[in-house]
């Protein structure tokens, strides 16, 4: 059985990949996201950052996607 930390790390990776997929669907680069938000997406997309609710909300708004859609795709 995976530890809580492993499960959390896996969830962050899946969240990052989901955000990356949406960004690419919108034909945006990580640089575009940074210029619009001041948020560096690279580490988030690799699951290396435990992002805050407000950071996730900002990214979702910038990407033009509802937060619940991103979270629903994680199937948690």
N, C-alpha and C. Protein backbone atom coordinates (compact mmCIF):
# COMPACT_ATOMS: atom_id res chain seq x y z
N UNK A 1 0.83 -1.18 0.00
CA UNK A 1 0.00 0.00 0.00
C UNK A 1 0.88 1.25 0.00
N UNK A 2 0.51 2.22 -0.82
CA UNK A 2 1.29 3.44 -0.91
C UNK A 2 1.09 4.30 0.33
N UNK A 3 2.15 5.00 0.70
CA UNK A 3 2.06 5.92 1.83
C UNK A 3 1.25 7.15 1.42
N UNK A 4 0.82 7.91 2.42
CA UNK A 4 0.09 9.14 2.14
C UNK A 4 0.92 10.09 1.29
N UNK A 5 2.23 10.16 1.57
CA UNK A 5 3.11 11.03 0.80
C UNK A 5 3.16 10.59 -0.65
N UNK A 6 3.30 9.28 -0.89
CA UNK A 6 3.34 8.77 -2.26
C UNK A 6 2.03 9.06 -2.99
N UNK A 7 0.91 8.88 -2.30
CA UNK A 7 -0.38 9.16 -2.91
C UNK A 7 -0.51 10.64 -3.24
N UNK A 8 -0.05 11.49 -2.33
CA UNK A 8 -0.08 12.94 -2.57
C UNK A 8 0.80 13.33 -3.73
N UNK A 9 2.00 12.75 -3.79
CA UNK A 9 2.91 13.04 -4.89
C UNK A 9 2.31 12.61 -6.22
N UNK A 10 1.66 11.45 -6.23
CA UNK A 10 1.02 10.96 -7.45
C UNK A 10 -0.11 11.88 -7.87
N UNK A 11 -0.87 12.35 -6.93
CA UNK A 11 -1.97 13.26 -7.22
C UNK A 11 -1.46 14.58 -7.79
N UNK A 12 -0.38 15.11 -7.23
CA UNK A 12 0.21 16.35 -7.74
C UNK A 12 0.72 16.16 -9.17
N UNK A 13 1.30 15.01 -9.45
CA UNK A 13 1.78 14.72 -10.80
C UNK A 13 0.61 14.66 -11.78
N UNK A 14 -0.46 13.98 -11.39
CA UNK A 14 -1.63 13.88 -12.25
C UNK A 14 -2.28 15.25 -12.47
N UNK A 15 -2.33 16.07 -11.42
CA UNK A 15 -2.86 17.42 -11.55
C UNK A 15 -2.00 18.24 -12.51
N UNK A 16 -0.70 18.15 -12.36
CA UNK A 16 0.21 18.88 -13.24
C UNK A 16 0.06 18.46 -14.69
N UNK A 17 -0.07 17.17 -14.92
CA UNK A 17 -0.25 16.68 -16.29
C UNK A 17 -1.58 17.14 -16.88
N UNK A 18 -2.60 17.19 -16.04
CA UNK A 18 -3.91 17.66 -16.50
C UNK A 18 -3.84 19.13 -16.89
N UNK A 19 -3.19 19.94 -16.07
CA UNK A 19 -3.04 21.36 -16.38
C UNK A 19 -2.21 21.54 -17.65
N UNK A 20 -1.18 20.73 -17.81
CA UNK A 20 -0.35 20.79 -19.01
C UNK A 20 -1.18 20.45 -20.26
N UNK A 21 -2.01 19.43 -20.16
CA UNK A 21 -2.84 19.03 -21.30
C UNK A 21 -3.79 20.15 -21.70
N UNK A 22 -4.39 20.80 -20.71
CA UNK A 22 -5.30 21.91 -21.00
C UNK A 22 -4.53 23.06 -21.63
N UNK A 23 -3.35 23.36 -21.08
CA UNK A 23 -2.53 24.45 -21.63
C UNK A 23 -2.20 24.20 -23.09
N UNK A 24 -1.82 22.97 -23.40
CA UNK A 24 -1.45 22.63 -24.78
C UNK A 24 -2.67 22.65 -25.70
N UNK A 25 -3.83 22.23 -25.18
CA UNK A 25 -5.07 22.31 -25.97
C UNK A 25 -5.37 23.75 -26.36
N UNK A 26 -5.00 24.68 -25.50
CA UNK A 26 -5.25 26.10 -25.74
C UNK A 26 -4.11 26.75 -26.54
N UNK A 27 -3.14 25.93 -26.95
CA UNK A 27 -1.98 26.40 -27.70
C UNK A 27 -1.23 27.51 -26.97
N UNK A 28 -1.09 27.33 -25.66
CA UNK A 28 -0.32 28.27 -24.85
C UNK A 28 1.00 27.62 -24.44
N UNK A 29 2.03 28.43 -24.37
CA UNK A 29 3.31 27.96 -23.86
C UNK A 29 3.39 28.25 -22.37
N UNK A 30 4.37 27.64 -21.73
CA UNK A 30 4.60 27.94 -20.31
C UNK A 30 4.94 29.42 -20.16
N UNK A 31 5.63 29.96 -21.13
CA UNK A 31 5.98 31.38 -21.10
C UNK A 31 4.72 32.25 -21.15
N UNK A 32 3.76 31.86 -22.02
CA UNK A 32 2.49 32.60 -22.09
C UNK A 32 1.81 32.63 -20.73
N UNK A 33 1.76 31.47 -20.08
CA UNK A 33 1.13 31.37 -18.76
C UNK A 33 1.86 32.27 -17.77
N UNK A 34 3.18 32.24 -17.80
CA UNK A 34 3.95 33.07 -16.88
C UNK A 34 3.68 34.56 -17.13
N UNK A 35 3.66 34.95 -18.39
CA UNK A 35 3.44 36.36 -18.71
C UNK A 35 2.07 36.85 -18.26
N UNK A 36 1.09 35.95 -18.28
CA UNK A 36 -0.26 36.33 -17.88
C UNK A 36 -0.49 36.25 -16.37
N UNK A 37 0.28 35.41 -15.69
CA UNK A 37 -0.01 35.14 -14.28
C UNK A 37 1.16 35.38 -13.33
N UNK A 38 2.38 35.33 -13.84
CA UNK A 38 3.55 35.38 -12.96
C UNK A 38 3.84 34.04 -12.31
N UNK A 39 3.14 33.00 -12.76
CA UNK A 39 3.30 31.65 -12.20
C UNK A 39 4.17 30.82 -13.15
N UNK A 40 5.20 30.19 -12.59
CA UNK A 40 6.05 29.29 -13.37
C UNK A 40 5.36 27.92 -13.42
N UNK A 41 4.90 27.53 -14.60
CA UNK A 41 4.12 26.30 -14.75
C UNK A 41 4.96 25.03 -14.81
N UNK A 42 6.22 25.13 -15.15
CA UNK A 42 7.03 23.93 -15.40
C UNK A 42 7.06 22.98 -14.21
N UNK A 43 7.36 23.48 -13.04
CA UNK A 43 7.45 22.60 -11.85
C UNK A 43 6.07 22.09 -11.44
N UNK A 44 5.05 22.90 -11.65
CA UNK A 44 3.69 22.45 -11.35
C UNK A 44 3.32 21.30 -12.28
N UNK A 45 3.61 21.45 -13.56
CA UNK A 45 3.27 20.43 -14.54
C UNK A 45 4.04 19.13 -14.30
N UNK A 46 5.18 19.21 -13.66
CA UNK A 46 5.95 18.00 -13.34
C UNK A 46 5.58 17.43 -11.97
N UNK A 47 4.62 18.05 -11.31
CA UNK A 47 4.17 17.55 -10.01
C UNK A 47 5.13 17.84 -8.88
N UNK A 48 5.97 18.84 -9.03
CA UNK A 48 6.99 19.16 -8.03
C UNK A 48 6.56 20.25 -7.06
N UNK A 49 5.37 20.81 -7.27
CA UNK A 49 4.89 21.91 -6.43
C UNK A 49 3.53 21.55 -5.86
N UNK A 50 3.39 21.71 -4.55
CA UNK A 50 2.10 21.54 -3.90
C UNK A 50 1.41 22.91 -3.96
N UNK A 51 0.69 23.14 -5.04
CA UNK A 51 0.15 24.46 -5.28
C UNK A 51 -1.04 24.78 -4.39
N UNK A 52 -1.22 26.06 -4.15
CA UNK A 52 -2.32 26.52 -3.30
C UNK A 52 -3.61 26.57 -4.11
N UNK A 53 -4.71 26.68 -3.39
CA UNK A 53 -6.02 26.81 -4.01
C UNK A 53 -6.05 28.03 -4.93
N UNK A 54 -5.51 29.16 -4.47
CA UNK A 54 -5.55 30.38 -5.27
C UNK A 54 -4.67 30.26 -6.52
N UNK A 55 -3.55 29.56 -6.42
CA UNK A 55 -2.71 29.34 -7.60
C UNK A 55 -3.45 28.48 -8.61
N UNK A 56 -4.09 27.41 -8.14
CA UNK A 56 -4.86 26.55 -9.04
C UNK A 56 -5.99 27.34 -9.69
N UNK A 57 -6.68 28.16 -8.92
CA UNK A 57 -7.77 28.97 -9.45
C UNK A 57 -7.26 29.93 -10.52
N UNK A 58 -6.14 30.59 -10.25
CA UNK A 58 -5.55 31.52 -11.22
C UNK A 58 -5.18 30.80 -12.51
N UNK A 59 -4.55 29.64 -12.39
CA UNK A 59 -4.18 28.88 -13.59
C UNK A 59 -5.42 28.47 -14.38
N UNK A 60 -6.43 27.98 -13.69
CA UNK A 60 -7.65 27.56 -14.37
C UNK A 60 -8.31 28.73 -15.09
N UNK A 61 -8.38 29.87 -14.44
CA UNK A 61 -8.97 31.05 -15.07
C UNK A 61 -8.17 31.46 -16.30
N UNK A 62 -6.86 31.43 -16.20
CA UNK A 62 -6.00 31.79 -17.32
C UNK A 62 -6.16 30.82 -18.48
N UNK A 63 -6.32 29.54 -18.15
CA UNK A 63 -6.46 28.51 -19.18
C UNK A 63 -7.90 28.41 -19.71
N UNK A 64 -8.81 29.13 -19.08
CA UNK A 64 -10.19 29.11 -19.53
C UNK A 64 -10.90 27.81 -19.26
N UNK A 65 -10.61 27.22 -18.11
CA UNK A 65 -11.23 25.95 -17.73
C UNK A 65 -11.74 26.08 -16.30
N UNK A 66 -12.85 25.44 -16.02
CA UNK A 66 -13.40 25.44 -14.67
C UNK A 66 -12.55 24.54 -13.78
N UNK A 67 -12.32 24.98 -12.55
CA UNK A 67 -11.50 24.19 -11.65
C UNK A 67 -12.09 22.80 -11.44
N UNK A 68 -13.40 22.71 -11.33
CA UNK A 68 -14.02 21.40 -11.09
C UNK A 68 -13.76 20.45 -12.25
N UNK A 69 -13.61 20.98 -13.47
CA UNK A 69 -13.33 20.11 -14.61
C UNK A 69 -11.93 19.49 -14.48
N UNK A 70 -10.98 20.30 -14.04
CA UNK A 70 -9.62 19.80 -13.85
C UNK A 70 -9.60 18.76 -12.74
N UNK A 71 -10.26 19.05 -11.63
CA UNK A 71 -10.27 18.12 -10.51
C UNK A 71 -11.06 16.85 -10.83
N UNK A 72 -12.15 16.99 -11.57
CA UNK A 72 -12.95 15.82 -11.94
C UNK A 72 -12.12 14.85 -12.79
N UNK A 73 -11.29 15.39 -13.65
CA UNK A 73 -10.45 14.55 -14.51
C UNK A 73 -9.46 13.71 -13.70
N UNK A 74 -9.18 14.13 -12.46
CA UNK A 74 -8.26 13.38 -11.60
C UNK A 74 -8.93 12.17 -10.98
N UNK A 75 -10.26 12.17 -10.98
CA UNK A 75 -11.05 11.06 -10.44
C UNK A 75 -10.67 10.75 -9.00
N UNK A 76 -10.72 11.80 -8.16
CA UNK A 76 -10.43 11.62 -6.73
C UNK A 76 -11.70 11.70 -5.91
